[in-house]
Amino acid sequence: MTATLEEKNTAFVLEALDTLFNKKDYARAAQFWSESYVQHSRHVPAGREGLFGLVRELADIRFEYDMAIAKDDFVWVHSRYTSSANPAAMIALDILRIEDGKLVEHWDVLQDEATRSESAGGHPMFGDTFPDER
């Protein structure tokens, strides 16, 4: 069975994020990100080099995802970023746009991951367990 555009784009985005954030393979990661990459984030400096510089600065940053969905050239990823620079993991909804086989644009919504005692709704923000219960 042939993969749909959305399945291919989802796999592409997840591989790109793993390559950069977990493997720290900057040369390979450059193959995923456009040189004219546009960043719409409060936390990430402009452009591909801004993103790569942030990952270098936060050397122990790790990425994992819980859910991903795609529509046309957009992929939404529910993700968690952990780093010793921040005591709480950051839970994100990342939105990435692909054009001509490259990541060209990114938006995110970020918030600190809540513990059970901090959760007003009583449910974890990521996966099925609270961070203080793992």
Protein backbone atom coordinates (compact mmCIF):
# COMPACT_ATOMS: atom_id res chain seq x y z
CA MET A 1 0.00 0.00 0.00
CA THR A 2 1.33 3.44 -0.92
CA ALA A 3 1.65 5.99 1.87
CA THR A 4 -0.49 9.11 1.58
CA LEU A 5 1.01 12.60 1.43
CA GLU A 6 -0.03 13.13 5.04
CA GLU A 7 1.65 9.89 6.18
CA LYS A 8 4.84 10.81 4.32
CA ASN A 9 4.83 14.33 5.76
CA THR A 10 4.24 13.06 9.29
CA ALA A 11 7.13 10.59 9.01
CA PHE A 12 9.33 13.35 7.53
CA VAL A 13 8.62 15.77 10.40
CA LEU A 14 9.13 13.15 13.11
CA GLU A 15 12.42 12.06 11.55
CA ALA A 16 13.57 15.68 11.27
CA LEU A 17 12.76 16.44 14.91
CA ASP A 18 14.45 13.24 16.12
CA THR A 19 17.53 13.94 13.99
CA LEU A 20 17.96 17.45 15.38
CA PHE A 21 16.79 17.23 19.00
CA ASN A 22 17.74 13.67 19.94
CA LYS A 23 20.57 12.65 17.62
CA LYS A 24 22.11 16.17 17.38
CA ASP A 25 23.11 15.37 13.79
CA TYR A 26 23.26 18.93 12.49
CA ALA A 27 24.60 18.05 9.04
CA ARG A 28 21.76 15.62 8.42
CA ALA A 29 19.21 17.95 10.06
CA ALA A 30 20.20 20.68 7.58
CA GLN A 31 18.79 18.42 4.85
CA PHE A 32 15.32 18.69 6.46
CA TRP A 33 15.21 22.45 7.16
CA SER A 34 15.11 25.10 4.45
CA GLU A 35 17.80 27.77 4.50
CA SER A 36 14.93 30.30 4.46
CA TYR A 37 13.10 28.62 7.40
CA VAL A 38 10.65 30.98 9.13
CA GLN A 39 10.18 30.69 12.89
CA HIS A 40 6.99 31.97 14.58
CA SER A 41 8.03 31.18 18.16
CA ARG A 42 8.57 33.31 21.22
CA HIS A 43 11.31 30.95 22.40
CA VAL A 44 13.29 30.09 19.27
CA PRO A 45 15.56 32.54 17.42
CA ALA A 46 14.85 33.27 13.76
CA GLY A 47 15.83 30.95 10.94
CA ARG A 48 17.36 27.50 10.66
CA GLU A 49 20.61 28.63 12.31
CA GLY A 50 18.65 30.17 15.17
CA LEU A 51 16.94 26.85 15.82
CA PHE A 52 20.15 24.84 15.48
CA GLY A 53 21.95 27.30 17.79
CA LEU A 54 19.29 26.87 20.46
CA VAL A 55 19.62 23.07 20.28
CA ARG A 56 23.42 23.39 20.58
CA GLU A 57 23.00 25.72 23.57
CA LEU A 58 20.60 23.29 25.28
CA ALA A 59 22.89 20.31 24.70
CA ASP A 60 20.77 17.84 26.68
CA ILE A 61 17.41 18.84 25.18
CA ARG A 62 15.28 15.85 24.18
CA PHE A 63 12.15 15.59 22.02
CA GLU A 64 9.37 13.02 22.21
CA TYR A 65 5.91 13.01 20.73
CA ASP A 66 2.56 11.66 21.79
CA MET A 67 0.38 12.43 18.78
CA ALA A 68 0.81 13.74 15.25
CA ILE A 69 -1.65 14.65 12.53
CA ALA A 70 -1.17 16.04 9.04
CA LYS A 71 -3.24 17.88 6.48
CA ASP A 72 -1.75 18.68 3.10
CA ASP A 73 1.65 20.34 3.74
CA PHE A 74 1.08 20.94 7.48
CA VAL A 75 1.94 18.61 10.35
CA TRP A 76 0.81 19.16 13.96
CA VAL A 77 2.81 17.38 16.66
CA HIS A 78 1.89 17.11 20.35
CA SER A 79 5.34 16.94 21.89
CA ARG A 80 7.41 17.15 25.05
CA TYR A 81 10.80 18.84 25.31
CA THR A 82 12.99 18.13 28.32
CA SER A 83 16.23 19.84 29.30
CA SER A 84 18.14 20.49 32.49
CA ALA A 85 17.77 24.21 31.66
CA ASN A 86 14.08 24.03 32.65
CA PRO A 87 12.90 22.13 35.74
CA ALA A 88 9.56 21.31 34.10
CA ALA A 89 9.26 19.70 30.70
CA MET A 90 7.73 21.90 28.03
CA ILE A 91 4.60 20.50 26.41
CA ALA A 92 4.14 21.79 22.88
CA LEU A 93 1.83 21.78 19.97
CA ASP A 94 4.24 22.26 17.08
CA ILE A 95 2.90 23.13 13.64
CA LEU A 96 5.29 22.68 10.75
CA ARG A 97 4.83 23.48 7.08
CA ILE A 98 6.63 21.58 4.33
CA GLU A 99 7.38 22.98 0.89
CA ASP A 100 9.50 21.34 -1.82
CA GLY A 101 10.66 18.61 0.58
CA LYS A 102 11.90 20.98 3.31
CA LEU A 103 10.57 22.38 6.57
CA VAL A 104 9.89 26.02 5.75
CA GLU A 105 7.78 27.34 8.61
CA HIS A 106 7.04 26.59 12.28
CA TRP A 107 4.59 27.77 14.94
CA ASP A 108 4.24 26.48 18.50
CA VAL A 109 2.22 26.74 21.67
CA LEU A 110 4.29 25.89 24.76
CA GLN A 111 3.57 25.45 28.43
CA ASP A 112 5.24 23.82 31.41
CA GLU A 113 4.06 20.27 32.08
CA ALA A 114 1.82 20.09 35.14
CA THR A 115 2.23 17.62 37.99
CA ARG A 116 -0.85 15.92 39.43
CA SER A 117 -1.16 18.56 42.16
CA GLU A 118 -0.93 21.36 39.56
CA SER A 119 -3.49 19.86 37.18
CA ALA A 120 -6.89 21.51 37.56
CA GLY A 121 -8.52 18.84 35.40
CA GLY A 122 -6.80 15.88 37.04
CA HIS A 123 -5.39 14.44 33.81
CA PRO A 124 -1.81 14.39 32.49
CA MET A 125 -0.87 16.80 29.72
CA PHE A 126 1.26 14.24 27.87
CA GLY A 127 0.75 10.50 27.70
CA ASP A 128 -1.09 8.74 30.49
CA THR A 129 1.05 9.56 33.56
CA PHE A 130 2.07 12.71 35.36
CA PRO A 131 5.76 13.66 35.33
CA ASP A 132 6.11 13.23 39.09
CA GLU A 133 4.70 9.67 38.84
CA ARG A 134 7.04 8.28 36.17
